[in-house]
Amino acid sequence: MNEIPTPEQEIARGEQARQIFETPVFKDACNRIDAELRALRESVPMSDADMHTRLILAEQMFGKLLDHLKMLMIGADYARQQLKLRESFSERMVQAVKQGIRL
């Protein structure tokens, strides 16, 4: 069974995704894949519906890869915000106790 990742794990995974996404080699690969898929789609005769379908599926899968990396980065940003809120709440509770406020 999959365990729910901690905010720290989500941040680490998001940072890994960001590092991958921002490398020149990955950007070059993405640009090349995108250009080749587009060129293939444009060169296939309209009568070849099977090949068009395959190319569309390939483009969709490539898009899903990019979406997954983006979602990891967004998840990391969200986890950072959650940690900040948790720390802020903890700090407020400590201050309340120091001031003698009962919880």
N, C-alpha and C. Protein backbone atom coordinates (compact mmCIF):
# COMPACT_ATOMS: atom_id res chain seq x y z
N MET A 1 0.84 -1.17 0.00
CA MET A 1 0.00 0.00 0.00
C MET A 1 0.89 1.24 0.00
N ASN A 2 0.49 2.26 -0.74
CA ASN A 2 1.26 3.50 -0.81
C ASN A 2 1.03 4.33 0.44
N GLU A 3 2.12 4.78 1.01
CA GLU A 3 2.02 5.66 2.17
C GLU A 3 1.94 7.10 1.68
N ILE A 4 1.28 7.92 2.48
CA ILE A 4 1.18 9.34 2.15
C ILE A 4 2.53 9.98 2.46
N PRO A 5 3.11 10.65 1.47
CA PRO A 5 4.43 11.26 1.72
C PRO A 5 4.33 12.42 2.70
N THR A 6 5.39 12.59 3.47
CA THR A 6 5.46 13.72 4.39
C THR A 6 5.71 14.99 3.57
N PRO A 7 5.44 16.15 4.15
CA PRO A 7 5.76 17.39 3.42
C PRO A 7 7.23 17.46 3.03
N GLU A 8 8.10 16.99 3.90
CA GLU A 8 9.53 17.00 3.59
C GLU A 8 9.84 16.12 2.38
N GLN A 9 9.18 14.97 2.29
CA GLN A 9 9.38 14.08 1.14
C GLN A 9 8.84 14.71 -0.13
N GLU A 10 7.69 15.37 -0.03
CA GLU A 10 7.12 16.04 -1.20
C GLU A 10 8.02 17.16 -1.67
N ILE A 11 8.60 17.89 -0.74
CA ILE A 11 9.52 18.97 -1.10
C ILE A 11 10.75 18.39 -1.80
N ALA A 12 11.29 17.31 -1.27
CA ALA A 12 12.48 16.69 -1.88
C ALA A 12 12.17 16.20 -3.29
N ARG A 13 11.02 15.55 -3.47
CA ARG A 13 10.64 15.06 -4.80
C ARG A 13 10.41 16.21 -5.77
N GLY A 14 9.79 17.27 -5.27
CA GLY A 14 9.55 18.44 -6.12
C GLY A 14 10.84 19.09 -6.55
N GLU A 15 11.80 19.15 -5.64
CA GLU A 15 13.11 19.72 -5.99
C GLU A 15 13.84 18.85 -7.01
N GLN A 16 13.72 17.54 -6.86
CA GLN A 16 14.31 16.64 -7.86
C GLN A 16 13.68 16.88 -9.23
N ALA A 17 12.36 17.00 -9.24
CA ALA A 17 11.66 17.26 -10.51
C ALA A 17 12.09 18.59 -11.10
N ARG A 18 12.21 19.63 -10.25
CA ARG A 18 12.62 20.94 -10.73
C ARG A 18 14.03 20.89 -11.33
N GLN A 19 14.93 20.16 -10.66
CA GLN A 19 16.30 20.03 -11.18
C GLN A 19 16.30 19.36 -12.54
N ILE A 20 15.51 18.31 -12.68
CA ILE A 20 15.42 17.62 -13.97
C ILE A 20 14.86 18.55 -15.03
N PHE A 21 13.74 19.20 -14.68
CA PHE A 21 13.02 20.05 -15.61
C PHE A 21 13.87 21.21 -16.11
N GLU A 22 14.77 21.70 -15.26
CA GLU A 22 15.55 22.90 -15.61
C GLU A 22 16.90 22.60 -16.24
N THR A 23 17.28 21.34 -16.37
CA THR A 23 18.58 21.05 -16.99
C THR A 23 18.51 21.30 -18.49
N PRO A 24 19.58 21.85 -19.05
CA PRO A 24 19.61 22.07 -20.49
C PRO A 24 19.43 20.77 -21.30
N VAL A 25 19.97 19.67 -20.80
CA VAL A 25 19.85 18.39 -21.52
C VAL A 25 18.38 17.97 -21.60
N PHE A 26 17.66 18.11 -20.49
CA PHE A 26 16.24 17.74 -20.49
C PHE A 26 15.44 18.67 -21.40
N LYS A 27 15.73 19.96 -21.34
CA LYS A 27 15.03 20.92 -22.20
C LYS A 27 15.28 20.61 -23.67
N ASP A 28 16.53 20.30 -24.01
CA ASP A 28 16.86 19.93 -25.38
C ASP A 28 16.10 18.68 -25.81
N ALA A 29 16.06 17.69 -24.91
CA ALA A 29 15.36 16.44 -25.22
C ALA A 29 13.88 16.70 -25.45
N CYS A 30 13.28 17.51 -24.59
CA CYS A 30 11.85 17.83 -24.74
C CYS A 30 11.58 18.55 -26.06
N ASN A 31 12.41 19.51 -26.38
CA ASN A 31 12.24 20.24 -27.64
C ASN A 31 12.38 19.31 -28.84
N ARG A 32 13.35 18.40 -28.75
CA ARG A 32 13.56 17.48 -29.87
C ARG A 32 12.39 16.51 -30.03
N ILE A 33 11.93 15.96 -28.91
CA ILE A 33 10.79 15.03 -28.96
C ILE A 33 9.56 15.74 -29.52
N ASP A 34 9.31 16.93 -29.01
CA ASP A 34 8.15 17.71 -29.48
C ASP A 34 8.24 17.97 -30.98
N ALA A 35 9.41 18.40 -31.44
CA ALA A 35 9.60 18.71 -32.87
C ALA A 35 9.46 17.46 -33.73
N GLU A 36 10.03 16.35 -33.26
CA GLU A 36 9.96 15.12 -34.06
C GLU A 36 8.54 14.58 -34.13
N LEU A 37 7.82 14.62 -33.02
CA LEU A 37 6.43 14.15 -33.05
C LEU A 37 5.58 15.02 -33.97
N ARG A 38 5.81 16.32 -33.90
CA ARG A 38 5.05 17.24 -34.78
C ARG A 38 5.39 16.96 -36.24
N ALA A 39 6.68 16.81 -36.54
CA ALA A 39 7.10 16.55 -37.93
C ALA A 39 6.53 15.23 -38.43
N LEU A 40 6.55 14.21 -37.59
CA LEU A 40 5.98 12.93 -37.99
C LEU A 40 4.49 13.05 -38.28
N ARG A 41 3.78 13.72 -37.38
CA ARG A 41 2.34 13.89 -37.56
C ARG A 41 2.04 14.63 -38.85
N GLU A 42 2.83 15.65 -39.15
CA GLU A 42 2.60 16.44 -40.36
C GLU A 42 2.97 15.67 -41.63
N SER A 43 3.88 14.71 -41.52
CA SER A 43 4.32 13.98 -42.71
C SER A 43 3.47 12.74 -43.02
N VAL A 44 2.69 12.30 -42.06
CA VAL A 44 1.87 11.10 -42.28
C VAL A 44 0.63 11.49 -43.08
N PRO A 45 0.33 10.73 -44.11
CA PRO A 45 -0.86 11.03 -44.91
C PRO A 45 -2.13 10.94 -44.05
N MET A 46 -3.08 11.79 -44.36
CA MET A 46 -4.33 11.80 -43.60
C MET A 46 -5.06 10.47 -43.68
N SER A 47 -4.80 9.72 -44.72
CA SER A 47 -5.47 8.42 -44.87
C SER A 47 -4.93 7.37 -43.90
N ASP A 48 -3.79 7.63 -43.28
CA ASP A 48 -3.19 6.68 -42.34
C ASP A 48 -3.66 6.99 -40.92
N ALA A 49 -4.93 6.66 -40.66
CA ALA A 49 -5.54 6.97 -39.37
C ALA A 49 -4.84 6.25 -38.22
N ASP A 50 -4.39 5.03 -38.48
CA ASP A 50 -3.73 4.26 -37.42
C ASP A 50 -2.45 4.95 -36.95
N MET A 51 -1.66 5.44 -37.90
CA MET A 51 -0.42 6.11 -37.53
C MET A 51 -0.71 7.44 -36.83
N HIS A 52 -1.71 8.16 -37.28
CA HIS A 52 -2.09 9.41 -36.63
C HIS A 52 -2.49 9.13 -35.18
N THR A 53 -3.26 8.07 -34.98
CA THR A 53 -3.68 7.70 -33.63
C THR A 53 -2.46 7.38 -32.76
N ARG A 54 -1.52 6.65 -33.29
CA ARG A 54 -0.31 6.31 -32.54
C ARG A 54 0.49 7.56 -32.17
N LEU A 55 0.60 8.47 -33.12
CA LEU A 55 1.36 9.69 -32.84
C LEU A 55 0.65 10.57 -31.80
N ILE A 56 -0.65 10.62 -31.89
CA ILE A 56 -1.41 11.39 -30.89
C ILE A 56 -1.22 10.76 -29.51
N LEU A 57 -1.26 9.45 -29.43
CA LEU A 57 -1.03 8.77 -28.15
C LEU A 57 0.38 9.05 -27.63
N ALA A 58 1.36 9.05 -28.52
CA ALA A 58 2.73 9.35 -28.11
C ALA A 58 2.83 10.78 -27.58
N GLU A 59 2.19 11.73 -28.25
CA GLU A 59 2.19 13.11 -27.79
C GLU A 59 1.51 13.24 -26.43
N GLN A 60 0.42 12.50 -26.24
CA GLN A 60 -0.29 12.54 -24.97
C GLN A 60 0.57 11.97 -23.84
N MET A 61 1.27 10.89 -24.10
CA MET A 61 2.13 10.28 -23.08
C MET A 61 3.29 11.21 -22.74
N PHE A 62 3.85 11.85 -23.73
CA PHE A 62 4.92 12.82 -23.49
C PHE A 62 4.39 13.96 -22.62
N GLY A 63 3.18 14.42 -22.93
CA GLY A 63 2.56 15.47 -22.13
C GLY A 63 2.33 15.03 -20.70
N LYS A 64 1.95 13.77 -20.50
CA LYS A 64 1.73 13.26 -19.15
C LYS A 64 3.03 13.23 -18.34
N LEU A 65 4.14 12.92 -18.99
CA LEU A 65 5.44 12.97 -18.32
C LEU A 65 5.72 14.38 -17.82
N LEU A 66 5.55 15.35 -18.69
CA LEU A 66 5.80 16.74 -18.30
C LEU A 66 4.82 17.19 -17.21
N ASP A 67 3.56 16.79 -17.34
CA ASP A 67 2.56 17.13 -16.32
C ASP A 67 2.94 16.54 -14.96
N HIS A 68 3.44 15.31 -14.96
CA HIS A 68 3.82 14.67 -13.70
C HIS A 68 4.93 15.46 -13.01
N LEU A 69 5.94 15.86 -13.76
CA LEU A 69 7.02 16.64 -13.16
C LEU A 69 6.50 17.98 -12.64
N LYS A 70 5.62 18.61 -13.40
CA LYS A 70 5.05 19.90 -12.96
C LYS A 70 4.23 19.72 -11.69
N MET A 71 3.46 18.63 -11.61
CA MET A 71 2.65 18.39 -10.42
C MET A 71 3.54 18.13 -9.20
N LEU A 72 4.66 17.47 -9.39
CA LEU A 72 5.59 17.28 -8.27
C LEU A 72 6.11 18.63 -7.78
N MET A 73 6.40 19.53 -8.70
CA MET A 73 6.89 20.86 -8.32
C MET A 73 5.80 21.66 -7.59
N ILE A 74 4.59 21.57 -8.09
CA ILE A 74 3.47 22.26 -7.43
C ILE A 74 3.23 21.66 -6.05
N GLY A 75 3.31 20.34 -5.94
CA GLY A 75 3.15 19.68 -4.65
C GLY A 75 4.19 20.13 -3.65
N ALA A 76 5.41 20.34 -4.11
CA ALA A 76 6.47 20.82 -3.23
C ALA A 76 6.17 22.22 -2.73
N ASP A 77 5.68 23.08 -3.62
CA ASP A 77 5.31 24.44 -3.22
C ASP A 77 4.20 24.40 -2.18
N TYR A 78 3.22 23.54 -2.39
CA TYR A 78 2.12 23.39 -1.45
C TYR A 78 2.63 22.89 -0.10
N ALA A 79 3.52 21.90 -0.12
CA ALA A 79 4.07 21.34 1.12
C ALA A 79 4.86 22.40 1.89
N ARG A 80 5.58 23.25 1.16
CA ARG A 80 6.32 24.34 1.82
C ARG A 80 5.35 25.28 2.55
N GLN A 81 4.25 25.61 1.89
CA GLN A 81 3.25 26.47 2.51
C GLN A 81 2.64 25.81 3.75
N GLN A 82 2.38 24.52 3.66
CA GLN A 82 1.82 23.80 4.81
C GLN A 82 2.78 23.80 5.99
N LEU A 83 4.07 23.61 5.71
CA LEU A 83 5.07 23.65 6.78
C LEU A 83 5.15 25.03 7.41
N LYS A 84 5.08 26.07 6.59
CA LYS A 84 5.11 27.43 7.13
C LYS A 84 3.91 27.68 8.04
N LEU A 85 2.74 27.24 7.61
CA LEU A 85 1.55 27.41 8.43
C LEU A 85 1.67 26.63 9.74
N ARG A 86 2.18 25.43 9.66
CA ARG A 86 2.36 24.61 10.87
C ARG A 86 3.33 25.27 11.83
N GLU A 87 4.45 25.78 11.30
CA GLU A 87 5.44 26.46 12.14
C GLU A 87 4.85 27.72 12.75
N SER A 88 4.10 28.46 11.97
CA SER A 88 3.48 29.69 12.45
C SER A 88 2.50 29.38 13.58
N PHE A 89 1.71 28.34 13.41
CA PHE A 89 0.75 27.94 14.43
C PHE A 89 1.48 27.54 15.71
N SER A 90 2.54 26.75 15.56
CA SER A 90 3.32 26.32 16.72
C SER A 90 3.92 27.51 17.46
N GLU A 91 4.44 28.46 16.70
CA GLU A 91 5.01 29.66 17.32
C GLU A 91 3.95 30.44 18.08
N ARG A 92 2.76 30.55 17.51
CA ARG A 92 1.68 31.28 18.20
C ARG A 92 1.28 30.57 19.49
N MET A 93 1.27 29.24 19.47
CA MET A 93 0.92 28.48 20.67
C MET A 93 1.98 28.66 21.75
N VAL A 94 3.25 28.65 21.36
CA VAL A 94 4.33 28.85 22.33
C VAL A 94 4.20 30.24 22.96
N GLN A 95 3.95 31.23 22.15
CA GLN A 95 3.79 32.59 22.66
C GLN A 95 2.58 32.68 23.59
N ALA A 96 1.50 32.03 23.26
CA ALA A 96 0.31 32.05 24.10
C ALA A 96 0.59 31.43 25.46
N VAL A 97 1.31 30.32 25.47
CA VAL A 97 1.66 29.66 26.72
C VAL A 97 2.59 30.55 27.54
N LYS A 98 3.57 31.17 26.89
CA LYS A 98 4.49 32.06 27.60
C LYS A 98 3.75 33.23 28.23
N GLN A 99 2.68 33.67 27.60
CA GLN A 99 1.91 34.80 28.12
C GLN A 99 0.86 34.37 29.12
N GLY A 100 0.81 33.08 29.40
CA GLY A 100 -0.10 32.57 30.40
C GLY A 100 -1.51 32.34 29.92
N ILE A 101 -1.69 32.30 28.63
CA ILE A 101 -3.02 32.06 28.07
C ILE A 101 -3.27 30.56 28.08
N ARG A 102 -4.40 30.15 28.62
CA ARG A 102 -4.72 28.73 28.64
C ARG A 102 -5.27 28.30 27.29
N LEU A 103 -4.91 27.13 26.91
CA LEU A 103 -5.38 26.61 25.63
C LEU A 103 -6.53 25.68 25.83
